[in-house]
Amino acid sequence: MTATTVGKDLLSALVLELKMLPDTWVKLSQKKQDDIIDRLRGRVDASVKMATHLIAANGRTVVQGDLDKITIKDGAQALIKIGKSVSALHELAEAQGQAVLLVLSANADAYTGGMDEVRGESDQRGLDLGKEYTDDDGDGMPGAPAGDDGVIDAEAKVIGIEHQPLQEELDAAFQAGYDAAAEGKPESECPVMAGPLCIQWVKGWKTWHEKHTEGEAA
């Protein structure tokens, strides 16, 4: 992500979720809708935080860390904790003894207000307008002939047609798993989706970990 592609990255994340929907939105239960919204909320939150850091960096070499402690006495001493995976850590080490500029990025929470209020639709039946439904649906249908027990002697056979995902859907699921691993999410975060898509998601997740495990070993 770059400061100029924030919108594109957010839109891409939304499109990816649309591609991985297991069914049309109105057919999903509230729980599944909430699961999807939670994943989107996490993506948007992470993207907004990254965007605020990128905009604050303004093209400079940036070392991101957490301000753990600051002591103000005859000046100030700050203790900043920085993760070992920060890409510019080497540049920071070389700058020891030199003057450095500390830039405080904006609080990302200021741009994500109200996201927790977004929820799925409750599982409710359509509104009864007085004529739509009765206690036993079928009201108004002709009655059964005398001696008819109402049982139809027939064998019902349900033929299931399995949807085969398109290659672009498989690629999108693989990339989603890869991105989830990069964000530090566990394998259990794999969303509910068709079997082939779930397999690709897990493959993407494992690929990221294998790649970075090999890099650390080297």
C-alpha atoms as a PDB file:
ATOM      1  CA  MET A   1       0.000   0.000   0.000  1.00  0.00           C
ATOM      2  CA  THR A   2       1.083   3.561  -0.718  1.00  0.00           C
ATOM      3  CA  ALA A   3      -0.500   6.873   0.222  1.00  0.00           C
ATOM      4  CA  THR A   4      -1.803   7.254  -3.336  1.00  0.00           C
ATOM      5  CA  THR A   5      -3.403   3.790  -3.494  1.00  0.00           C
ATOM      6  CA  VAL A   6      -5.348   3.748  -0.221  1.00  0.00           C
ATOM      7  CA  GLY A   7      -8.695   3.886  -2.018  1.00  0.00           C
ATOM      8  CA  LYS A   8      -7.688   1.192  -4.496  1.00  0.00           C
ATOM      9  CA  ASP A   9      -6.510  -1.146  -1.747  1.00  0.00           C
ATOM     10  CA  LEU A  10      -9.713  -0.720   0.240  1.00  0.00           C
ATOM     11  CA  LEU A  11     -11.836  -1.306  -2.856  1.00  0.00           C
ATOM     12  CA  SER A  12      -9.811  -4.399  -3.773  1.00  0.00           C
ATOM     13  CA  ALA A  13     -10.394  -5.840  -0.301  1.00  0.00           C
ATOM     14  CA  LEU A  14     -14.144  -5.302  -0.638  1.00  0.00           C
ATOM     15  CA  VAL A  15     -14.256  -6.860  -4.114  1.00  0.00           C
ATOM     16  CA  LEU A  16     -12.302  -9.869  -2.831  1.00  0.00           C
ATOM     17  CA  GLU A  17     -14.864 -10.457  -0.090  1.00  0.00           C
ATOM     18  CA  LEU A  18     -17.669 -10.223  -2.655  1.00  0.00           C
ATOM     19  CA  LYS A  19     -15.969 -12.866  -4.786  1.00  0.00           C
ATOM     20  CA  MET A  20     -15.697 -15.216  -1.813  1.00  0.00           C
ATOM     21  CA  LEU A  21     -19.321 -14.924  -0.684  1.00  0.00           C
ATOM     22  CA  PRO A  22     -20.691 -18.475  -0.268  1.00  0.00           C
ATOM     23  CA  ASP A  23     -24.145 -17.301  -1.407  1.00  0.00           C
ATOM     24  CA  THR A  24     -26.109 -14.139  -2.156  1.00  0.00           C
ATOM     25  CA  TRP A  25     -26.190 -11.750   0.798  1.00  0.00           C
ATOM     26  CA  VAL A  26     -29.919 -12.066   1.542  1.00  0.00           C
ATOM     27  CA  LYS A  27     -29.593 -15.858   1.811  1.00  0.00           C
ATOM     28  CA  LEU A  28     -26.856 -15.703   4.445  1.00  0.00           C
ATOM     29  CA  SER A  29     -27.707 -16.027   8.123  1.00  0.00           C
ATOM     30  CA  GLN A  30     -27.019 -13.083  10.399  1.00  0.00           C
ATOM     31  CA  LYS A  31     -24.058 -14.960  11.914  1.00  0.00           C
ATOM     32  CA  LYS A  32     -22.407 -15.453   8.523  1.00  0.00           C
ATOM     33  CA  GLN A  33     -23.109 -11.837   7.587  1.00  0.00           C
ATOM     34  CA  ASP A  34     -21.521 -10.704  10.861  1.00  0.00           C
ATOM     35  CA  ASP A  35     -18.476 -12.906  10.180  1.00  0.00           C
ATOM     36  CA  ILE A  36     -17.986 -11.258   6.788  1.00  0.00           C
ATOM     37  CA  ILE A  37     -18.510  -7.770   8.238  1.00  0.00           C
ATOM     38  CA  ASP A  38     -15.984  -8.526  10.999  1.00  0.00           C
ATOM     39  CA  ARG A  39     -13.358  -9.519   8.416  1.00  0.00           C
ATOM     40  CA  LEU A  40     -14.057  -6.383   6.386  1.00  0.00           C
ATOM     41  CA  ARG A  41     -13.920  -4.270   9.552  1.00  0.00           C
ATOM     42  CA  GLY A  42     -10.503  -5.727  10.332  1.00  0.00           C
ATOM     43  CA  ARG A  43      -9.233  -5.054   6.806  1.00  0.00           C
ATOM     44  CA  VAL A  44     -10.524  -1.479   6.801  1.00  0.00           C
ATOM     45  CA  ASP A  45      -9.115  -0.810  10.275  1.00  0.00           C
ATOM     46  CA  ALA A  46      -5.670  -2.134   9.288  1.00  0.00           C
ATOM     47  CA  SER A  47      -5.726  -0.180   6.013  1.00  0.00           C
ATOM     48  CA  VAL A  48      -6.723   3.077   7.705  1.00  0.00           C
ATOM     49  CA  LYS A  49      -3.949   2.707  10.294  1.00  0.00           C
ATOM     50  CA  MET A  50      -1.400   2.019   7.577  1.00  0.00           C
ATOM     51  CA  ALA A  51      -2.701   4.947   5.531  1.00  0.00           C
ATOM     52  CA  THR A  52      -2.279   7.394   8.422  1.00  0.00           C
ATOM     53  CA  HIS A  53       1.306   6.215   8.898  1.00  0.00           C
ATOM     54  CA  LEU A  54       2.085   6.509   5.185  1.00  0.00           C
ATOM     55  CA  ILE A  55       0.624   9.989   4.927  1.00  0.00           C
ATOM     56  CA  ALA A  56       2.523  11.109   8.034  1.00  0.00           C
ATOM     57  CA  ALA A  57       5.758   9.626   6.638  1.00  0.00           C
ATOM     58  CA  ASN A  58       5.472  11.742   3.486  1.00  0.00           C
ATOM     59  CA  GLY A  59       8.205   9.806   1.677  1.00  0.00           C
ATOM     60  CA  ARG A  60      10.709   9.744   4.551  1.00  0.00           C
ATOM     61  CA  THR A  61      12.484   6.643   5.859  1.00  0.00           C
ATOM     62  CA  VAL A  62      10.127   5.517   8.604  1.00  0.00           C
ATOM     63  CA  VAL A  63      10.685   3.338  11.656  1.00  0.00           C
ATOM     64  CA  GLN A  64       7.401   2.539  13.342  1.00  0.00           C
ATOM     65  CA  GLY A  65       7.339   1.828  17.074  1.00  0.00           C
ATOM     66  CA  ASP A  66       5.392   2.195  20.298  1.00  0.00           C
ATOM     67  CA  LEU A  67       6.236   5.005  22.713  1.00  0.00           C
ATOM     68  CA  ASP A  68       6.673   3.005  25.916  1.00  0.00           C
ATOM     69  CA  LYS A  69       7.933   5.735  28.247  1.00  0.00           C
ATOM     70  CA  ILE A  70       8.983   9.366  28.204  1.00  0.00           C
ATOM     71  CA  THR A  71      10.859  11.202  30.956  1.00  0.00           C
ATOM     72  CA  ILE A  72      10.884  15.008  30.922  1.00  0.00           C
ATOM     73  CA  LYS A  73      13.705  16.514  32.998  1.00  0.00           C
ATOM     74  CA  ASP A  74      16.284  18.929  31.614  1.00  0.00           C
ATOM     75  CA  GLY A  75      15.005  17.897  28.215  1.00  0.00           C
ATOM     76  CA  ALA A  76      13.342  14.586  27.495  1.00  0.00           C
ATOM     77  CA  GLN A  77      14.256  10.945  27.153  1.00  0.00           C
ATOM     78  CA  ALA A  78      11.942   8.653  25.218  1.00  0.00           C
ATOM     79  CA  LEU A  79      11.857   4.861  25.254  1.00  0.00           C
ATOM     80  CA  ILE A  80      10.445   3.528  22.001  1.00  0.00           C
ATOM     81  CA  LYS A  81       9.870  -0.181  21.420  1.00  0.00           C
ATOM     82  CA  ILE A  82      10.384  -1.288  17.814  1.00  0.00           C
ATOM     83  CA  GLY A  83       9.610  -4.724  16.402  1.00  0.00           C
ATOM     84  CA  LYS A  84      12.496  -6.751  14.978  1.00  0.00           C
ATOM     85  CA  SER A  85      10.652  -7.149  11.672  1.00  0.00           C
ATOM     86  CA  VAL A  86      10.644  -3.393  10.924  1.00  0.00           C
ATOM     87  CA  SER A  87      12.263  -2.956   7.508  1.00  0.00           C
ATOM     88  CA  ALA A  88      14.159   0.269   8.320  1.00  0.00           C
ATOM     89  CA  LEU A  89      15.705  -1.030  11.549  1.00  0.00           C
ATOM     90  CA  HIS A  90      19.167  -1.177   9.954  1.00  0.00           C
ATOM     91  CA  GLU A  91      18.953   2.467   8.868  1.00  0.00           C
ATOM     92  CA  LEU A  92      18.001   3.432  12.420  1.00  0.00           C
ATOM     93  CA  ALA A  93      21.067   1.653  13.803  1.00  0.00           C
ATOM     94  CA  GLU A  94      23.311   3.544  11.379  1.00  0.00           C
ATOM     95  CA  ALA A  95      21.772   6.837  12.525  1.00  0.00           C
ATOM     96  CA  GLN A  96      22.912   6.331  16.117  1.00  0.00           C
ATOM     97  CA  GLY A  97      24.436   9.533  17.478  1.00  0.00           C
ATOM     98  CA  GLN A  98      22.796  11.617  14.756  1.00  0.00           C
ATOM     99  CA  ALA A  99      19.764  13.873  14.973  1.00  0.00           C
ATOM    100  CA  VAL A 100      16.534  12.132  13.975  1.00  0.00           C
ATOM    101  CA  LEU A 101      13.027  13.468  13.442  1.00  0.00           C
ATOM    102  CA  LEU A 102      10.092  11.997  15.367  1.00  0.00           C
ATOM    103  CA  VAL A 103       6.756  12.378  13.587  1.00  0.00           C
ATOM    104  CA  LEU A 104       3.567  11.531  15.473  1.00  0.00           C
ATOM    105  CA  SER A 105       1.048  10.049  13.073  1.00  0.00           C
ATOM    106  CA  ALA A 106      -2.626  10.823  13.461  1.00  0.00           C
ATOM    107  CA  ASN A 107      -4.712   8.541  15.650  1.00  0.00           C
ATOM    108  CA  ALA A 108      -6.350   6.111  13.229  1.00  0.00           C
ATOM    109  CA  ASP A 109      -9.326   5.728  15.592  1.00  0.00           C
ATOM    110  CA  ALA A 110     -10.384   9.239  14.592  1.00  0.00           C
ATOM    111  CA  TYR A 111     -11.182   7.887  11.109  1.00  0.00           C
ATOM    112  CA  THR A 112     -12.878   4.606  12.032  1.00  0.00           C
ATOM    113  CA  GLY A 113     -15.687   5.814  14.284  1.00  0.00           C
ATOM    114  CA  GLY A 114     -18.983   3.953  14.016  1.00  0.00           C
ATOM    115  CA  MET A 115     -17.578   0.840  12.328  1.00  0.00           C
ATOM    116  CA  ASP A 116     -18.658  -1.316  15.278  1.00  0.00           C
ATOM    117  CA  GLU A 117     -22.264  -0.313  14.622  1.00  0.00           C
ATOM    118  CA  VAL A 118     -22.366  -2.139  11.278  1.00  0.00           C
ATOM    119  CA  ARG A 119     -24.099  -5.499  11.729  1.00  0.00           C
ATOM    120  CA  GLY A 120     -25.734  -8.185   9.620  1.00  0.00           C
ATOM    121  CA  GLU A 121     -29.481  -8.395   9.073  1.00  0.00           C
ATOM    122  CA  SER A 122     -31.506 -10.322  11.648  1.00  0.00           C
ATOM    123  CA  ASP A 123     -32.951 -13.697  10.609  1.00  0.00           C
ATOM    124  CA  GLN A 124     -36.622 -12.731  10.255  1.00  0.00           C
ATOM    125  CA  ARG A 125     -39.458 -13.942   8.072  1.00  0.00           C
ATOM    126  CA  GLY A 126     -41.209 -11.496   5.790  1.00  0.00           C
ATOM    127  CA  LEU A 127     -43.813  -9.180   7.326  1.00  0.00           C
ATOM    128  CA  ASP A 128     -47.309 -10.636   7.684  1.00  0.00           C
ATOM    129  CA  LEU A 129     -49.658  -8.073   6.169  1.00  0.00           C
ATOM    130  CA  GLY A 130     -52.793  -9.945   7.274  1.00  0.00           C
ATOM    131  CA  LYS A 131     -53.273 -12.099   4.173  1.00  0.00           C
ATOM    132  CA  GLU A 132     -49.764 -13.338   3.557  1.00  0.00           C
ATOM    133  CA  TYR A 133     -49.637 -16.221   6.044  1.00  0.00           C
ATOM    134  CA  THR A 134     -51.972 -18.142   8.350  1.00  0.00           C
ATOM    135  CA  ASP A 135     -51.215 -20.643  11.105  1.00  0.00           C
ATOM    136  CA  ASP A 136     -50.824 -23.369   8.516  1.00  0.00           C
ATOM    137  CA  ASP A 137     -49.653 -22.061   5.141  1.00  0.00           C
ATOM    138  CA  GLY A 138     -51.761 -23.196   2.191  1.00  0.00           C
ATOM    139  CA  ASP A 139     -54.937 -21.487   3.313  1.00  0.00           C
ATOM    140  CA  GLY A 140     -57.269 -21.120   0.363  1.00  0.00           C
ATOM    141  CA  MET A 141     -56.060 -24.278  -1.403  1.00  0.00           C
ATOM    142  CA  PRO A 142     -58.789 -26.770  -2.351  1.00  0.00           C
ATOM    143  CA  GLY A 143     -59.467 -29.380   0.334  1.00  0.00           C
ATOM    144  CA  ALA A 144     -58.369 -33.002   0.012  1.00  0.00           C
ATOM    145  CA  PRO A 145     -60.903 -35.537  -1.338  1.00  0.00           C
ATOM    146  CA  ALA A 146     -62.638 -37.859   1.142  1.00  0.00           C
ATOM    147  CA  GLY A 147     -60.425 -40.747   2.179  1.00  0.00           C
ATOM    148  CA  ASP A 148     -57.251 -38.925   1.152  1.00  0.00           C
ATOM    149  CA  ASP A 149     -54.740 -39.009   3.991  1.00  0.00           C
ATOM    150  CA  GLY A 150     -52.812 -36.154   2.412  1.00  0.00           C
ATOM    151  CA  VAL A 151     -49.709 -38.280   1.870  1.00  0.00           C
ATOM    152  CA  ILE A 152     -48.215 -38.292  -1.616  1.00  0.00           C
ATOM    153  CA  ASP A 153     -46.673 -41.634  -2.548  1.00  0.00           C
ATOM    154  CA  ALA A 154     -43.668 -40.517  -4.496  1.00  0.00           C
ATOM    155  CA  GLU A 155     -39.928 -40.743  -4.200  1.00  0.00           C
ATOM    156  CA  ALA A 156     -38.122 -37.446  -4.186  1.00  0.00           C
ATOM    157  CA  LYS A 157     -34.567 -37.400  -5.458  1.00  0.00           C
ATOM    158  CA  VAL A 158     -32.468 -34.299  -4.913  1.00  0.00           C
ATOM    159  CA  ILE A 159     -29.681 -33.810  -7.391  1.00  0.00           C
ATOM    160  CA  GLY A 160     -26.964 -31.561  -6.077  1.00  0.00           C
ATOM    161  CA  ILE A 161     -25.003 -29.475  -8.543  1.00  0.00           C
ATOM    162  CA  GLU A 162     -21.638 -28.482  -7.162  1.00  0.00           C
ATOM    163  CA  HIS A 163     -20.432 -25.066  -8.208  1.00  0.00           C
ATOM    164  CA  GLN A 164     -16.876 -25.144  -9.504  1.00  0.00           C
ATOM    165  CA  PRO A 165     -15.070 -21.887  -8.665  1.00  0.00           C
ATOM    166  CA  LEU A 166     -13.480 -19.896 -11.461  1.00  0.00           C
ATOM    167  CA  GLN A 167      -9.704 -19.635 -11.596  1.00  0.00           C
ATOM    168  CA  GLU A 168      -9.863 -15.975 -10.601  1.00  0.00           C
ATOM    169  CA  GLU A 169     -11.894 -16.947  -7.531  1.00  0.00           C
ATOM    170  CA  LEU A 170      -9.285 -19.560  -6.596  1.00  0.00           C
ATOM    171  CA  ASP A 171      -6.500 -17.003  -7.089  1.00  0.00           C
ATOM    172  CA  ALA A 172      -8.395 -14.475  -4.978  1.00  0.00           C
ATOM    173  CA  ALA A 173      -8.850 -17.002  -2.149  1.00  0.00           C
ATOM    174  CA  PHE A 174      -5.132 -17.885  -2.268  1.00  0.00           C
ATOM    175  CA  GLN A 175      -4.181 -14.192  -2.058  1.00  0.00           C
ATOM    176  CA  ALA A 176      -6.633 -13.658   0.809  1.00  0.00           C
ATOM    177  CA  GLY A 177      -4.981 -16.448   2.803  1.00  0.00           C
ATOM    178  CA  TYR A 178      -1.536 -15.056   2.011  1.00  0.00           C
ATOM    179  CA  ASP A 179      -2.576 -11.568   3.148  1.00  0.00           C
ATOM    180  CA  ALA A 180      -4.181 -12.959   6.320  1.00  0.00           C
ATOM    181  CA  ALA A 181      -0.918 -14.686   7.242  1.00  0.00           C
ATOM    182  CA  ALA A 182       0.996 -11.464   6.593  1.00  0.00           C
ATOM    183  CA  GLU A 183      -1.370  -9.682   9.001  1.00  0.00           C
ATOM    184  CA  GLY A 184      -0.556 -12.257  11.697  1.00  0.00           C
ATOM    185  CA  LYS A 185      -3.938 -13.991  11.637  1.00  0.00           C
ATOM    186  CA  PRO A 186      -4.148 -17.713  12.588  1.00  0.00           C
ATOM    187  CA  GLU A 187      -5.181 -20.425  10.130  1.00  0.00           C
ATOM    188  CA  SER A 188      -8.490 -20.713  11.995  1.00  0.00           C
ATOM    189  CA  GLU A 189      -9.479 -17.300  10.552  1.00  0.00           C
ATOM    190  CA  CYS A 190     -10.249 -18.978   7.209  1.00  0.00           C
ATOM    191  CA  PRO A 191     -13.724 -17.691   6.246  1.00  0.00           C
ATOM    192  CA  VAL A 192     -16.705 -19.931   5.529  1.00  0.00           C
ATOM    193  CA  MET A 193     -16.678 -20.650   1.793  1.00  0.00           C
ATOM    194  CA  ALA A 194     -16.796 -23.463  -0.755  1.00  0.00           C
ATOM    195  CA  GLY A 195     -14.347 -26.331  -0.205  1.00  0.00           C
ATOM    196  CA  PRO A 196     -11.995 -25.551  -3.141  1.00  0.00           C
ATOM    197  CA  LEU A 197     -11.820 -21.878  -2.114  1.00  0.00           C
ATOM    198  CA  CYS A 198     -11.085 -22.803   1.503  1.00  0.00           C
ATOM    199  CA  ILE A 199      -8.258 -25.087   0.335  1.00  0.00           C
ATOM    200  CA  GLN A 200      -6.724 -22.256  -1.694  1.00  0.00           C
ATOM    201  CA  TRP A 201      -7.031 -19.879   1.282  1.00  0.00           C
ATOM    202  CA  VAL A 202      -5.126 -22.315   3.499  1.00  0.00           C
ATOM    203  CA  LYS A 203      -2.511 -22.849   0.766  1.00  0.00           C
ATOM    204  CA  GLY A 204      -1.946 -19.097   0.585  1.00  0.00           C
ATOM    205  CA  TRP A 205      -1.667 -18.898   4.371  1.00  0.00           C
ATOM    206  CA  LYS A 206       0.876 -21.728   4.479  1.00  0.00           C
ATOM    207  CA  THR A 207       2.844 -20.314   1.535  1.00  0.00           C
ATOM    208  CA  TRP A 208       3.432 -17.052   3.393  1.00  0.00           C
ATOM    209  CA  HIS A 209       4.647 -18.878   6.496  1.00  0.00           C
ATOM    210  CA  GLU A 210       6.883 -21.237   4.495  1.00  0.00           C
ATOM    211  CA  LYS A 211       8.397 -18.308   2.631  1.00  0.00           C
ATOM    212  CA  HIS A 212       9.163 -16.340   5.783  1.00  0.00           C
ATOM    213  CA  THR A 213      10.355 -19.401   7.706  1.00  0.00           C
ATOM    214  CA  GLU A 214      12.896 -20.086   4.938  1.00  0.00           C
ATOM    215  CA  GLY A 215      13.922 -16.422   5.006  1.00  0.00           C
ATOM    216  CA  GLU A 216      14.576 -16.517   8.750  1.00  0.00           C
ATOM    217  CA  ALA A 217      16.519 -19.789   8.436  1.00  0.00           C
ATOM    218  CA  ALA A 218      18.722 -18.249   5.730  1.00  0.00           C
END
